[in-house]
């Protein structure tokens, strides 16, 4: 059983986005596109959360909040144990 946080990553603040496209250039997975004069994430499933888009954004319009993922381990006695496996 996997439990995923409900955080959508990355987050684009449209009010801060100046449409420069630097995030599009660094996104090797082509998950970010320009729509009109702003950028948006269209392929969330493709995002590897490398945070390069956040790093290059000159206006701070893109944020990549971390996500904690838990995975259930096989039962060792009569209980299940949940432990963190990733901090992104």
Protein backbone atom coordinates (compact mmCIF):
# COMPACT_ATOMS: atom_id res chain seq x y z
CA UNK A 1 0.00 0.00 0.00
CA UNK A 2 1.38 3.39 -0.95
CA UNK A 3 0.14 6.66 0.51
CA UNK A 4 0.93 9.77 -1.46
CA UNK A 5 0.72 13.32 -0.16
CA UNK A 6 -1.90 15.45 -1.85
CA UNK A 7 0.60 18.08 -2.95
CA UNK A 8 0.64 18.78 -6.69
CA UNK A 9 4.16 19.51 -7.84
CA UNK A 10 5.44 21.81 -9.16
CA UNK A 11 3.13 24.72 -8.41
CA UNK A 12 3.06 27.66 -10.82
CA UNK A 13 1.91 30.97 -9.37
CA UNK A 14 0.36 32.57 -12.46
CA UNK A 15 0.45 36.05 -10.89
CA UNK A 16 4.26 35.86 -10.60
CA UNK A 17 4.94 34.13 -13.93
CA UNK A 18 6.40 36.47 -16.56
CA UNK A 19 6.31 33.82 -19.30
CA UNK A 20 10.07 33.88 -19.90
CA UNK A 21 10.12 30.14 -20.65
CA UNK A 22 13.34 29.28 -18.81
CA UNK A 23 11.47 26.50 -16.98
CA UNK A 24 10.34 25.06 -20.32
CA UNK A 25 13.94 25.04 -21.53
CA UNK A 26 15.25 23.11 -18.51
CA UNK A 27 12.40 20.61 -18.32
CA UNK A 28 13.88 17.61 -20.08
CA UNK A 29 10.61 15.72 -19.68
CA UNK A 30 8.53 18.39 -21.46
CA UNK A 31 6.04 18.60 -18.57
CA UNK A 32 5.83 22.42 -18.74
CA UNK A 33 4.35 24.41 -21.62
CA UNK A 34 3.42 27.98 -22.41
CA UNK A 35 -0.29 28.72 -22.55
CA UNK A 36 -0.83 32.24 -23.78
CA UNK A 37 1.73 34.42 -21.99
CA UNK A 38 2.17 32.13 -18.95
CA UNK A 39 3.54 28.65 -18.29
CA UNK A 40 1.70 25.71 -16.81
CA UNK A 41 2.45 22.10 -15.91
CA UNK A 42 0.51 19.80 -18.22
CA UNK A 43 2.12 16.43 -17.66
CA UNK A 44 2.25 15.94 -13.89
CA UNK A 45 2.88 12.20 -14.31
CA UNK A 46 6.03 12.95 -16.31
CA UNK A 47 7.51 15.26 -13.65
CA UNK A 48 10.53 13.73 -11.93
CA UNK A 49 10.65 16.56 -9.35
CA UNK A 50 14.18 17.52 -10.30
CA UNK A 51 13.29 21.11 -9.21
CA UNK A 52 15.28 22.62 -12.08
CA UNK A 53 12.23 24.70 -13.08
CA UNK A 54 12.06 26.17 -9.58
CA UNK A 55 15.79 26.92 -9.58
CA UNK A 56 15.81 28.81 -12.90
CA UNK A 57 12.58 30.78 -12.40
CA UNK A 58 13.68 34.43 -12.04
CA UNK A 59 10.40 35.58 -10.47
CA UNK A 60 9.93 32.71 -8.01
CA UNK A 61 6.69 31.72 -9.71
CA UNK A 62 7.46 27.99 -9.52
CA UNK A 63 7.68 26.13 -6.23
CA UNK A 64 8.28 22.45 -5.66
CA UNK A 65 7.10 21.61 -2.15
CA UNK A 66 8.41 18.33 -0.82
CA UNK A 67 6.37 15.18 -0.62
CA UNK A 68 6.67 12.35 1.90
CA UNK A 69 5.90 8.85 0.66
CA UNK A 70 5.13 5.93 2.96
CA UNK A 71 5.25 2.29 1.99
CA UNK A 72 3.77 -0.60 3.93
CA UNK A 73 6.20 -3.34 4.84
CA UNK A 74 5.18 -7.01 4.90
CA UNK A 75 3.71 -8.06 8.22
CA UNK A 76 6.38 -9.19 10.63
CA UNK A 77 3.99 -10.26 13.39
CA UNK A 78 0.36 -9.39 13.54
CA UNK A 79 0.84 -5.71 12.70
CA UNK A 80 1.72 -3.62 9.70
CA UNK A 81 4.47 -1.08 9.93
CA UNK A 82 4.51 2.14 7.93
CA UNK A 83 7.85 3.81 7.49
CA UNK A 84 9.06 6.75 5.42
CA UNK A 85 10.95 5.77 2.28
CA UNK A 86 11.49 9.09 0.53
CA UNK A 87 11.74 12.74 1.27
CA UNK A 88 11.58 14.71 -1.98
